[in-house]
C-alpha cells in the first residue's frame, strides 16, 4: 500500500536582516577609507539598479548580474573593480547567518568563475630610473619639507605609495618606522639618517594630525594620488618618466645587487611570493637558454656514442 506523500508547501520564514545594512557592515570592516568609499559607491550603484529592475538584492540571479555588468559604463578596469567589490560583499555575506541560521544571501553571482568579467587592461612596465636620477629628484625637493620627507622615504624604504600616504604618526619613533603593508603584512624599518632628518624637519612644520602626511584638508591622510603629483613635480626636469613605483623598483633592484638574501628582500617588499621579488633583480631572463639547450643536446649526443 502506498503511503500518500505530504505535498504541503513549506514556506521558509523571511529574514529581517536588511541587505544594505549588512553590506555596509562588510564595507565598514575595510581598513582603507578609500576602499570603503569605493565599495560604498559600488553598492549604491547596484542597489539603484535593483530598485529599477525590481531585483531582490538578497537573491540575485546570474541573469541579473549579467544585465548589471552589461549596463556598467567606464573602462574595463573600472567595470572589473565594481564587479569585484560586489563579489567581495556577496562572498562575505554568504558566510554570515541571519536570525534563522541561514546565509544572508543565497549565492554570489558576481564571482569571476560564475560571471565573465571584462578583460583586465594592460599593465605597463615600471618606468625605471637610476639612483642618480632618484637622488636628483630628492635633492630638488629639499626646500619643501613635506615633499622632501616623502621622497626620502620612497627612496629609502621601497614602500608602496599608499603605505606611505596613510602612515600613522604614531608609527614613527625617531629611528624606526612601522607600517601594515598590503596583505596585512607587518613591517618595521630602521631608517637611514637622511630620512630621519627629513622627517624631523617636516614634523616641525606639519599641523597636528594622526597621520605623518595629513591631507591638505580634513582629518584624513594624504591621498595616494598626491604622491604621484609630488613625484611629477620634482622629477619634471630630471626624469619626467618617473613614477612612485619607480622608486620601489630601484630599491629592490639595488637590494638584489647588494647581495642581500632574497627572503630579506621579500620581507622588506611585503611580497607574498618570492617569484614576484625575483622579478625586480634587473636580469634579462631567457637570452642564453637556446645556446645552453643546444650545448646540452650536443653533450648528450656525445655521451650516447
Foldseek 3Di string as FASTA:
>chain_A
DDDDDDPDDDDDDDFPDDLVVLLLVVLVPDDDPVSSVLLVVLVVLLVVLCVVVVHDVQEDDLVSVQVSLVPDDDDLQSSLVSLVSQQSSQVVQCVDATPVRHRSHDDRCSPCVNHPGRDDDDDDDADADAVVLLVQLLVLCVVPLVLNLLSLCLQFQLEQLVFQQQAFPVQDDLFKGWTQHPPRQTDIDGTDPSNSVSLVVQVVVDDDARHSADDPDDRGTHDSVVNQVSSCVSSVVRPNSHGSNNSSLNNLLVCVVVVPDLVVSCSSHVDPDSVVSVVSVPDDPDPCPVVVVVVVVVVVVVVVD
